[in-house]
Amino acid sequence: MTSLKDLKSRWTSDPEFRAEYAALEDEFALAAALIDARMGASMTQEQLAQAMGTTQAAIARMESGRVPPSTRTLQRFAKATGTRLRIVFEKEPAPARADQR
């Protein structure tokens, strides 16, 4: 039987896996921010869904990162959780040069 720790070690040593995982970083960050906002408002998914006029399943999909929410949905989410939506554009970091690796 392979442990989760062993699988993670094997996967993270694969450059292709690391690249794919890194590509999902923004989605993971959004999902975490949604969960943090809901938890900060002391709301269950069901309570948040009622406040937004949607379903608990829709909230679960947003929080899982499987369904990217629209800006309008994020605004409704922010209002329901008593938070403020801020969207920021950041410069991409410069790629590492070969001589820096």
PDB file of N, CA and C in Angstrom:
ATOM      1  N   MET A   1       0.845  -1.182   0.000  1.00  0.00           N
ATOM      2  CA  MET A   1       0.000   0.000   0.000  1.00  0.00           C
ATOM      3  C   MET A   1       0.889   1.243   0.000  1.00  0.00           C
ATOM      4  N   THR A   2       0.597   2.181  -0.881  1.00  0.00           N
ATOM      5  CA  THR A   2       1.359   3.415  -1.002  1.00  0.00           C
ATOM      6  C   THR A   2       0.694   4.502  -0.169  1.00  0.00           C
ATOM      7  N   SER A   3       1.509   5.199   0.613  1.00  0.00           N
ATOM      8  CA  SER A   3       0.957   6.268   1.447  1.00  0.00           C
ATOM      9  C   SER A   3       0.789   7.541   0.623  1.00  0.00           C
ATOM     10  N   LEU A   4      -0.043   8.420   1.122  1.00  0.00           N
ATOM     11  CA  LEU A   4      -0.264   9.706   0.467  1.00  0.00           C
ATOM     12  C   LEU A   4       1.038  10.507   0.428  1.00  0.00           C
ATOM     13  N   LYS A   5       1.819  10.416   1.490  1.00  0.00           N
ATOM     14  CA  LYS A   5       3.096  11.125   1.539  1.00  0.00           C
ATOM     15  C   LYS A   5       4.033  10.630   0.430  1.00  0.00           C
ATOM     16  N   ASP A   6       4.059   9.308   0.214  1.00  0.00           N
ATOM     17  CA  ASP A   6       4.907   8.747  -0.847  1.00  0.00           C
ATOM     18  C   ASP A   6       4.425   9.190  -2.228  1.00  0.00           C
ATOM     19  N   LEU A   7       3.111   9.193  -2.429  1.00  0.00           N
ATOM     20  CA  LEU A   7       2.562   9.637  -3.716  1.00  0.00           C
ATOM     21  C   LEU A   7       2.908  11.096  -3.979  1.00  0.00           C
ATOM     22  N   LYS A   8       2.724  11.929  -2.959  1.00  0.00           N
ATOM     23  CA  LYS A   8       3.020  13.354  -3.112  1.00  0.00           C
ATOM     24  C   LYS A   8       4.493  13.548  -3.459  1.00  0.00           C
ATOM     25  N   SER A   9       5.365  12.823  -2.785  1.00  0.00           N
ATOM     26  CA  SER A   9       6.792  12.924  -3.055  1.00  0.00           C
ATOM     27  C   SER A   9       7.109  12.511  -4.492  1.00  0.00           C
ATOM     28  N   ARG A  10       6.503  11.435  -4.934  1.00  0.00           N
ATOM     29  CA  ARG A  10       6.731  10.950  -6.302  1.00  0.00           C
ATOM     30  C   ARG A  10       6.198  11.950  -7.326  1.00  0.00           C
ATOM     31  N   TRP A  11       4.985  12.442  -7.090  1.00  0.00           N
ATOM     32  CA  TRP A  11       4.380  13.380  -8.041  1.00  0.00           C
ATOM     33  C   TRP A  11       5.149  14.686  -8.104  1.00  0.00           C
ATOM     34  N   THR A  12       5.526  15.227  -6.945  1.00  0.00           N
ATOM     35  CA  THR A  12       6.181  16.534  -6.946  1.00  0.00           C
ATOM     36  C   THR A  12       7.612  16.474  -7.476  1.00  0.00           C
ATOM     37  N   SER A  13       8.157  15.290  -7.639  1.00  0.00           N
ATOM     38  CA  SER A  13       9.491  15.178  -8.249  1.00  0.00           C
ATOM     39  C   SER A  13       9.395  15.163  -9.782  1.00  0.00           C
ATOM     40  N   ASP A  14       8.192  15.071 -10.308  1.00  0.00           N
ATOM     41  CA  ASP A  14       7.963  15.059 -11.755  1.00  0.00           C
ATOM     42  C   ASP A  14       7.796  16.500 -12.254  1.00  0.00           C
ATOM     43  N   PRO A  15       8.700  16.994 -13.107  1.00  0.00           N
ATOM     44  CA  PRO A  15       8.615  18.389 -13.587  1.00  0.00           C
ATOM     45  C   PRO A  15       7.291  18.706 -14.291  1.00  0.00           C
ATOM     46  N   GLU A  16       6.753  17.750 -15.031  1.00  0.00           N
ATOM     47  CA  GLU A  16       5.482  17.993 -15.726  1.00  0.00           C
ATOM     48  C   GLU A  16       4.348  18.179 -14.720  1.00  0.00           C
ATOM     49  N   PHE A  17       4.336  17.360 -13.676  1.00  0.00           N
ATOM     50  CA  PHE A  17       3.319  17.492 -12.621  1.00  0.00           C
ATOM     51  C   PHE A  17       3.442  18.853 -11.944  1.00  0.00           C
ATOM     52  N   ARG A  18       4.682  19.237 -11.594  1.00  0.00           N
ATOM     53  CA  ARG A  18       4.898  20.521 -10.922  1.00  0.00           C
ATOM     54  C   ARG A  18       4.418  21.682 -11.780  1.00  0.00           C
ATOM     55  N   ALA A  19       4.651  21.612 -13.084  1.00  0.00           N
ATOM     56  CA  ALA A  19       4.212  22.684 -13.988  1.00  0.00           C
ATOM     57  C   ALA A  19       2.686  22.759 -14.040  1.00  0.00           C
ATOM     58  N   GLU A  20       2.037  21.611 -14.133  1.00  0.00           N
ATOM     59  CA  GLU A  20       0.566  21.583 -14.169  1.00  0.00           C
ATOM     60  C   GLU A  20      -0.018  22.077 -12.853  1.00  0.00           C
ATOM     61  N   TYR A  21       0.576  21.675 -11.750  1.00  0.00           N
ATOM     62  CA  TYR A  21       0.113  22.095 -10.429  1.00  0.00           C
ATOM     63  C   TYR A  21       0.272  23.604 -10.269  1.00  0.00           C
ATOM     64  N   ALA A  22       1.413  24.135 -10.706  1.00  0.00           N
ATOM     65  CA  ALA A  22       1.662  25.572 -10.622  1.00  0.00           C
ATOM     66  C   ALA A  22       0.659  26.354 -11.465  1.00  0.00           C
ATOM     67  N   ALA A  23       0.258  25.788 -12.592  1.00  0.00           N
ATOM     68  CA  ALA A  23      -0.714  26.449 -13.469  1.00  0.00           C
ATOM     69  C   ALA A  23      -2.075  26.602 -12.781  1.00  0.00           C
ATOM     70  N   LEU A  24      -2.336  25.772 -11.784  1.00  0.00           N
ATOM     71  CA  LEU A  24      -3.610  25.824 -11.070  1.00  0.00           C
ATOM     72  C   LEU A  24      -3.548  26.692  -9.814  1.00  0.00           C
ATOM     73  N   GLU A  25      -2.405  27.305  -9.565  1.00  0.00           N
ATOM     74  CA  GLU A  25      -2.211  28.074  -8.337  1.00  0.00           C
ATOM     75  C   GLU A  25      -3.291  29.142  -8.136  1.00  0.00           C
ATOM     76  N   ASP A  26      -3.628  29.879  -9.187  1.00  0.00           N
ATOM     77  CA  ASP A  26      -4.634  30.935  -9.061  1.00  0.00           C
ATOM     78  C   ASP A  26      -6.003  30.364  -8.714  1.00  0.00           C
ATOM     79  N   GLU A  27      -6.348  29.220  -9.301  1.00  0.00           N
ATOM     80  CA  GLU A  27      -7.634  28.590  -8.988  1.00  0.00           C
ATOM     81  C   GLU A  27      -7.676  28.150  -7.532  1.00  0.00           C
ATOM     82  N   PHE A  28      -6.570  27.572  -7.038  1.00  0.00           N
ATOM     83  CA  PHE A  28      -6.499  27.165  -5.638  1.00  0.00           C
ATOM     84  C   PHE A  28      -6.615  28.379  -4.721  1.00  0.00           C
ATOM     85  N   ALA A  29      -5.961  29.479  -5.097  1.00  0.00           N
ATOM     86  CA  ALA A  29      -6.001  30.690  -4.285  1.00  0.00           C
ATOM     87  C   ALA A  29      -7.414  31.260  -4.221  1.00  0.00           C
ATOM     88  N   LEU A  30      -8.125  31.253  -5.351  1.00  0.00           N
ATOM     89  CA  LEU A  30      -9.506  31.754  -5.355  1.00  0.00           C
ATOM     90  C   LEU A  30     -10.393  30.868  -4.483  1.00  0.00           C
ATOM     91  N   ALA A  31     -10.258  29.555  -4.631  1.00  0.00           N
ATOM     92  CA  ALA A  31     -11.068  28.636  -3.822  1.00  0.00           C
ATOM     93  C   ALA A  31     -10.801  28.870  -2.339  1.00  0.00           C
ATOM     94  N   ALA A  32      -9.539  29.022  -1.960  1.00  0.00           N
ATOM     95  CA  ALA A  32      -9.195  29.263  -0.558  1.00  0.00           C
ATOM     96  C   ALA A  32      -9.768  30.592  -0.074  1.00  0.00           C
ATOM     97  N   ALA A  33      -9.730  31.625  -0.916  1.00  0.00           N
ATOM     98  CA  ALA A  33     -10.268  32.931  -0.537  1.00  0.00           C
ATOM     99  C   ALA A  33     -11.775  32.860  -0.328  1.00  0.00           C
ATOM    100  N   LEU A  34     -12.463  32.110  -1.179  1.00  0.00           N
ATOM    101  CA  LEU A  34     -13.915  31.951  -1.028  1.00  0.00           C
ATOM    102  C   LEU A  34     -14.240  31.253   0.293  1.00  0.00           C
ATOM    103  N   ILE A  35     -13.529  30.194   0.576  1.00  0.00           N
ATOM    104  CA  ILE A  35     -13.762  29.457   1.824  1.00  0.00           C
ATOM    105  C   ILE A  35     -13.455  30.341   3.023  1.00  0.00           C
ATOM    106  N   ASP A  36     -12.331  31.081   2.966  1.00  0.00           N
ATOM    107  CA  ASP A  36     -11.971  31.979   4.076  1.00  0.00           C
ATOM    108  C   ASP A  36     -13.037  33.038   4.306  1.00  0.00           C
ATOM    109  N   ALA A  37     -13.570  33.614   3.223  1.00  0.00           N
ATOM    110  CA  ALA A  37     -14.605  34.646   3.363  1.00  0.00           C
ATOM    111  C   ALA A  37     -15.867  34.064   3.992  1.00  0.00           C
ATOM    112  N   ARG A  38     -16.253  32.880   3.544  1.00  0.00           N
ATOM    113  CA  ARG A  38     -17.461  32.248   4.110  1.00  0.00           C
ATOM    114  C   ARG A  38     -17.258  31.910   5.574  1.00  0.00           C
ATOM    115  N   MET A  39     -16.106  31.328   5.891  1.00  0.00           N
ATOM    116  CA  MET A  39     -15.830  30.959   7.280  1.00  0.00           C
ATOM    117  C   MET A  39     -15.709  32.212   8.157  1.00  0.00           C
ATOM    118  N   GLY A  40     -15.102  33.268   7.604  1.00  0.00           N
ATOM    119  CA  GLY A  40     -14.991  34.524   8.339  1.00  0.00           C
ATOM    120  C   GLY A  40     -16.346  35.135   8.659  1.00  0.00           C
ATOM    121  N   ALA A  41     -17.325  34.838   7.814  1.00  0.00           N
ATOM    122  CA  ALA A  41     -18.694  35.318   8.040  1.00  0.00           C
ATOM    123  C   ALA A  41     -19.484  34.341   8.909  1.00  0.00           C
ATOM    124  N   SER A  42     -18.829  33.272   9.360  1.00  0.00           N
ATOM    125  CA  SER A  42     -19.466  32.237  10.187  1.00  0.00           C
ATOM    126  C   SER A  42     -20.717  31.675   9.513  1.00  0.00           C
ATOM    127  N   MET A  43     -20.591  31.380   8.219  1.00  0.00           N
ATOM    128  CA  MET A  43     -21.719  30.859   7.451  1.00  0.00           C
ATOM    129  C   MET A  43     -21.417  29.461   6.946  1.00  0.00           C
ATOM    130  N   THR A  44     -22.456  28.647   6.892  1.00  0.00           N
ATOM    131  CA  THR A  44     -22.351  27.356   6.230  1.00  0.00           C
ATOM    132  C   THR A  44     -22.551  27.588   4.734  1.00  0.00           C
ATOM    133  N   GLN A  45     -22.243  26.581   3.950  1.00  0.00           N
ATOM    134  CA  GLN A  45     -22.509  26.696   2.517  1.00  0.00           C
ATOM    135  C   GLN A  45     -23.999  26.910   2.284  1.00  0.00           C
ATOM    136  N   GLU A  46     -24.823  26.235   3.043  1.00  0.00           N
ATOM    137  CA  GLU A  46     -26.280  26.368   2.886  1.00  0.00           C
ATOM    138  C   GLU A  46     -26.735  27.790   3.220  1.00  0.00           C
ATOM    139  N   GLN A  47     -26.228  28.355   4.298  1.00  0.00           N
ATOM    140  CA  GLN A  47     -26.604  29.720   4.675  1.00  0.00           C
ATOM    141  C   GLN A  47     -26.159  30.726   3.614  1.00  0.00           C
ATOM    142  N   LEU A  48     -24.951  30.540   3.106  1.00  0.00           N
ATOM    143  CA  LEU A  48     -24.450  31.429   2.065  1.00  0.00           C
ATOM    144  C   LEU A  48     -25.292  31.300   0.802  1.00  0.00           C
ATOM    145  N   ALA A  49     -25.637  30.077   0.447  1.00  0.00           N
ATOM    146  CA  ALA A  49     -26.462  29.848  -0.732  1.00  0.00           C
ATOM    147  C   ALA A  49     -27.801  30.577  -0.610  1.00  0.00           C
ATOM    148  N   GLN A  50     -28.415  30.500   0.563  1.00  0.00           N
ATOM    149  CA  GLN A  50     -29.683  31.191   0.778  1.00  0.00           C
ATOM    150  C   GLN A  50     -29.513  32.696   0.649  1.00  0.00           C
ATOM    151  N   ALA A  51     -28.422  33.224   1.210  1.00  0.00           N
ATOM    152  CA  ALA A  51     -28.177  34.670   1.143  1.00  0.00           C
ATOM    153  C   ALA A  51     -27.922  35.133  -0.293  1.00  0.00           C
ATOM    154  N   MET A  52     -27.372  34.240  -1.115  1.00  0.00           N
ATOM    155  CA  MET A  52     -27.072  34.592  -2.499  1.00  0.00           C
ATOM    156  C   MET A  52     -28.193  34.223  -3.461  1.00  0.00           C
ATOM    157  N   GLY A  53     -29.172  33.479  -2.986  1.00  0.00           N
ATOM    158  CA  GLY A  53     -30.254  33.040  -3.867  1.00  0.00           C
ATOM    159  C   GLY A  53     -29.825  31.947  -4.814  1.00  0.00           C
ATOM    160  N   THR A  54     -28.969  31.047  -4.323  1.00  0.00           N
ATOM    161  CA  THR A  54     -28.497  29.935  -5.142  1.00  0.00           C
ATOM    162  C   THR A  54     -28.587  28.649  -4.325  1.00  0.00           C
ATOM    163  N   THR A  55     -27.900  27.626  -4.775  1.00  0.00           N
ATOM    164  CA  THR A  55     -27.958  26.345  -4.075  1.00  0.00           C
ATOM    165  C   THR A  55     -26.644  26.061  -3.351  1.00  0.00           C
ATOM    166  N   GLN A  56     -26.715  25.189  -2.369  1.00  0.00           N
ATOM    167  CA  GLN A  56     -25.514  24.763  -1.650  1.00  0.00           C
ATOM    168  C   GLN A  56     -24.539  24.094  -2.612  1.00  0.00           C
ATOM    169  N   ALA A  57     -25.066  23.344  -3.570  1.00  0.00           N
ATOM    170  CA  ALA A  57     -24.210  22.659  -4.546  1.00  0.00           C
ATOM    171  C   ALA A  57     -23.414  23.673  -5.381  1.00  0.00           C
ATOM    172  N   ALA A  58     -24.035  24.808  -5.711  1.00  0.00           N
ATOM    173  CA  ALA A  58     -23.336  25.847  -6.479  1.00  0.00           C
ATOM    174  C   ALA A  58     -22.188  26.435  -5.658  1.00  0.00           C
ATOM    175  N   ILE A  59     -22.421  26.629  -4.374  1.00  0.00           N
ATOM    176  CA  ILE A  59     -21.363  27.141  -3.490  1.00  0.00           C
ATOM    177  C   ILE A  59     -20.233  26.118  -3.404  1.00  0.00           C
ATOM    178  N   ALA A  60     -20.574  24.858  -3.253  1.00  0.00           N
ATOM    179  CA  ALA A  60     -19.567  23.795  -3.168  1.00  0.00           C
ATOM    180  C   ALA A  60     -18.728  23.742  -4.441  1.00  0.00           C
ATOM    181  N   ARG A  61     -19.357  23.905  -5.594  1.00  0.00           N
ATOM    182  CA  ARG A  61     -18.613  23.890  -6.863  1.00  0.00           C
ATOM    183  C   ARG A  61     -17.643  25.062  -6.939  1.00  0.00           C
ATOM    184  N   MET A  62     -18.089  26.249  -6.509  1.00  0.00           N
ATOM    185  CA  MET A  62     -17.200  27.419  -6.515  1.00  0.00           C
ATOM    186  C   MET A  62     -16.017  27.194  -5.580  1.00  0.00           C
ATOM    187  N   GLU A  63     -16.301  26.694  -4.377  1.00  0.00           N
ATOM    188  CA  GLU A  63     -15.250  26.501  -3.385  1.00  0.00           C
ATOM    189  C   GLU A  63     -14.293  25.378  -3.766  1.00  0.00           C
ATOM    190  N   SER A  64     -14.722  24.482  -4.627  1.00  0.00           N
ATOM    191  CA  SER A  64     -13.841  23.389  -5.043  1.00  0.00           C
ATOM    192  C   SER A  64     -12.897  23.824  -6.153  1.00  0.00           C
ATOM    193  N   GLY A  65     -13.206  24.946  -6.797  1.00  0.00           N
ATOM    194  CA  GLY A  65     -12.396  25.410  -7.903  1.00  0.00           C
ATOM    195  C   GLY A  65     -12.778  24.787  -9.230  1.00  0.00           C
ATOM    196  N   ARG A  66     -13.788  23.919  -9.234  1.00  0.00           N
ATOM    197  CA  ARG A  66     -14.209  23.256 -10.473  1.00  0.00           C
ATOM    198  C   ARG A  66     -14.939  24.197 -11.414  1.00  0.00           C
ATOM    199  N   VAL A  67     -15.616  25.195 -10.848  1.00  0.00           N
ATOM    200  CA  VAL A  67     -16.406  26.120 -11.657  1.00  0.00           C
ATOM    201  C   VAL A  67     -15.921  27.538 -11.381  1.00  0.00           C
ATOM    202  N   PRO A  68     -15.289  28.174 -12.353  1.00  0.00           N
ATOM    203  CA  PRO A  68     -14.832  29.549 -12.115  1.00  0.00           C
ATOM    204  C   PRO A  68     -16.032  30.496 -12.073  1.00  0.00           C
ATOM    205  N   PRO A  69     -16.210  31.217 -10.973  1.00  0.00           N
ATOM    206  CA  PRO A  69     -17.363  32.118 -10.866  1.00  0.00           C
ATOM    207  C   PRO A  69     -17.174  33.385 -11.689  1.00  0.00           C
ATOM    208  N   SER A  70     -18.281  33.944 -12.115  1.00  0.00           N
ATOM    209  CA  SER A  70     -18.245  35.215 -12.845  1.00  0.00           C
ATOM    210  C   SER A  70     -17.984  36.349 -11.852  1.00  0.00           C
ATOM    211  N   THR A  71     -17.639  37.492 -12.379  1.00  0.00           N
ATOM    212  CA  THR A  71     -17.422  38.664 -11.530  1.00  0.00           C
ATOM    213  C   THR A  71     -18.707  39.018 -10.798  1.00  0.00           C
ATOM    214  N   ARG A  72     -19.815  38.912 -11.485  1.00  0.00           N
ATOM    215  CA  ARG A  72     -21.116  39.213 -10.844  1.00  0.00           C
ATOM    216  C   ARG A  72     -21.375  38.270  -9.672  1.00  0.00           C
ATOM    217  N   THR A  73     -21.068  36.993  -9.846  1.00  0.00           N
ATOM    218  CA  THR A  73     -21.252  36.021  -8.768  1.00  0.00           C
ATOM    219  C   THR A  73     -20.315  36.333  -7.605  1.00  0.00           C
ATOM    220  N   LEU A  74     -19.084  36.715  -7.917  1.00  0.00           N
ATOM    221  CA  LEU A  74     -18.137  37.075  -6.859  1.00  0.00           C
ATOM    222  C   LEU A  74     -18.624  38.305  -6.088  1.00  0.00           C
ATOM    223  N   GLN A  75     -19.250  39.251  -6.791  1.00  0.00           N
ATOM    224  CA  GLN A  75     -19.804  40.431  -6.121  1.00  0.00           C
ATOM    225  C   GLN A  75     -20.934  40.031  -5.178  1.00  0.00           C
ATOM    226  N   ARG A  76     -21.795  39.133  -5.628  1.00  0.00           N
ATOM    227  CA  ARG A  76     -22.887  38.649  -4.766  1.00  0.00           C
ATOM    228  C   ARG A  76     -22.323  37.889  -3.573  1.00  0.00           C
ATOM    229  N   PHE A  77     -21.269  37.103  -3.806  1.00  0.00           N
ATOM    230  CA  PHE A  77     -20.612  36.349  -2.744  1.00  0.00           C
ATOM    231  C   PHE A  77     -20.064  37.325  -1.695  1.00  0.00           C
ATOM    232  N   ALA A  78     -19.383  38.381  -2.163  1.00  0.00           N
ATOM    233  CA  ALA A  78     -18.810  39.372  -1.253  1.00  0.00           C
ATOM    234  C   ALA A  78     -19.892  40.052  -0.429  1.00  0.00           C
ATOM    235  N   LYS A  79     -20.962  40.452  -1.075  1.00  0.00           N
ATOM    236  CA  LYS A  79     -22.059  41.121  -0.358  1.00  0.00           C
ATOM    237  C   LYS A  79     -22.650  40.197   0.703  1.00  0.00           C
ATOM    238  N   ALA A  80     -22.857  38.945   0.344  1.00  0.00           N
ATOM    239  CA  ALA A  80     -23.467  37.988   1.269  1.00  0.00           C
ATOM    240  C   ALA A  80     -22.559  37.680   2.462  1.00  0.00           C
ATOM    241  N   THR A  81     -21.251  37.774   2.265  1.00  0.00           N
ATOM    242  CA  THR A  81     -20.316  37.466   3.358  1.00  0.00           C
ATOM    243  C   THR A  81     -19.820  38.723   4.071  1.00  0.00           C
ATOM    244  N   GLY A  82     -20.318  39.891   3.670  1.00  0.00           N
ATOM    245  CA  GLY A  82     -19.900  41.133   4.311  1.00  0.00           C
ATOM    246  C   GLY A  82     -18.451  41.483   4.014  1.00  0.00           C
ATOM    247  N   THR A  83     -18.006  41.111   2.822  1.00  0.00           N
ATOM    248  CA  THR A  83     -16.639  41.416   2.409  1.00  0.00           C
ATOM    249  C   THR A  83     -16.672  42.301   1.170  1.00  0.00           C
ATOM    250  N   ARG A  84     -15.501  42.714   0.718  1.00  0.00           N
ATOM    251  CA  ARG A  84     -15.398  43.553  -0.471  1.00  0.00           C
ATOM    252  C   ARG A  84     -14.578  42.804  -1.510  1.00  0.00           C
ATOM    253  N   LEU A  85     -15.052  42.780  -2.733  1.00  0.00           N
ATOM    254  CA  LEU A  85     -14.339  42.131  -3.832  1.00  0.00           C
ATOM    255  C   LEU A  85     -13.318  43.105  -4.396  1.00  0.00           C
ATOM    256  N   ARG A  86     -12.074  42.641  -4.500  1.00  0.00           N
ATOM    257  CA  ARG A  86     -11.014  43.424  -5.137  1.00  0.00           C
ATOM    258  C   ARG A  86     -10.334  42.530  -6.156  1.00  0.00           C
ATOM    259  N   ILE A  87     -10.187  43.026  -7.356  1.00  0.00           N
ATOM    260  CA  ILE A  87      -9.492  42.295  -8.419  1.00  0.00           C
ATOM    261  C   ILE A  87      -8.231  43.076  -8.740  1.00  0.00           C
ATOM    262  N   VAL A  88      -7.102  42.391  -8.733  1.00  0.00           N
ATOM    263  CA  VAL A  88      -5.812  43.051  -8.920  1.00  0.00           C
ATOM    264  C   VAL A  88      -5.061  42.364 -10.052  1.00  0.00           C
ATOM    265  N   PHE A  89      -4.467  43.173 -10.913  1.00  0.00           N
ATOM    266  CA  PHE A  89      -3.586  42.648 -11.949  1.00  0.00           C
ATOM    267  C   PHE A  89      -2.155  42.865 -11.473  1.00  0.00           C
ATOM    268  N   GLU A  90      -1.357  41.802 -11.529  1.00  0.00           N
ATOM    269  CA  GLU A  90       0.035  41.876 -11.113  1.00  0.00           C
ATOM    270  C   GLU A  90       0.931  41.502 -12.283  1.00  0.00           C
ATOM    271  N   LYS A  91       2.109  42.080 -12.317  1.00  0.00           N
ATOM    272  CA  LYS A  91       3.081  41.701 -13.333  1.00  0.00           C
ATOM    273  C   LYS A  91       3.522  40.268 -13.096  1.00  0.00           C
ATOM    274  N   GLU A  92       3.728  39.553 -14.198  1.00  0.00           N
ATOM    275  CA  GLU A  92       4.270  38.200 -14.113  1.00  0.00           C
ATOM    276  C   GLU A  92       5.724  38.290 -13.679  1.00  0.00           C
ATOM    277  N   PRO A  93       6.174  37.396 -12.804  1.00  0.00           N
ATOM    278  CA  PRO A  93       7.596  37.430 -12.443  1.00  0.00           C
ATOM    279  C   PRO A  93       8.433  37.048 -13.667  1.00  0.00           C
ATOM    280  N   ALA A  94       9.602  37.618 -13.745  1.00  0.00           N
ATOM    281  CA  ALA A  94      10.504  37.303 -14.851  1.00  0.00           C
ATOM    282  C   ALA A  94      10.928  35.845 -14.746  1.00  0.00           C
ATOM    283  N   PRO A  95      10.994  35.151 -15.868  1.00  0.00           N
ATOM    284  CA  PRO A  95      11.415  33.742 -15.820  1.00  0.00           C
ATOM    285  C   PRO A  95      12.862  33.649 -15.339  1.00  0.00           C
ATOM    286  N   ALA A  96      13.150  32.573 -14.609  1.00  0.00           N
ATOM    287  CA  ALA A  96      14.512  32.353 -14.125  1.00  0.00           C
ATOM    288  C   ALA A  96      15.437  32.102 -15.301  1.00  0.00           C
ATOM    289  N   ARG A  97      16.589  32.729 -15.261  1.00  0.00           N
ATOM    290  CA  ARG A  97      17.573  32.508 -16.315  1.00  0.00           C
ATOM    291  C   ARG A  97      18.279  31.183 -16.072  1.00  0.00           C
ATOM    292  N   ALA A  98      18.770  30.581 -17.123  1.00  0.00           N
ATOM    293  CA  ALA A  98      19.443  29.289 -17.033  1.00  0.00           C
ATOM    294  C   ALA A  98      20.641  29.338 -16.093  1.00  0.00           C
ATOM    295  N   ASP A  99      21.353  30.474 -16.036  1.00  0.00           N
ATOM    296  CA  ASP A  99      22.530  30.556 -15.183  1.00  0.00           C
ATOM    297  C   ASP A  99      22.179  30.779 -13.716  1.00  0.00           C
ATOM    298  N   GLN A 100      20.880  31.002 -13.406  1.00  0.00           N
ATOM    299  CA  GLN A 100      20.434  31.179 -12.030  1.00  0.00           C
ATOM    300  C   GLN A 100      19.893  29.902 -11.428  1.00  0.00           C
ATOM    301  N   ARG A 101      19.818  28.863 -12.190  1.00  0.00           N
ATOM    302  CA  ARG A 101      19.237  27.604 -11.688  1.00  0.00           C
ATOM    303  C   ARG A 101      20.259  26.768 -11.015  1.00  0.00           C
TER     304      ARG A 101
END
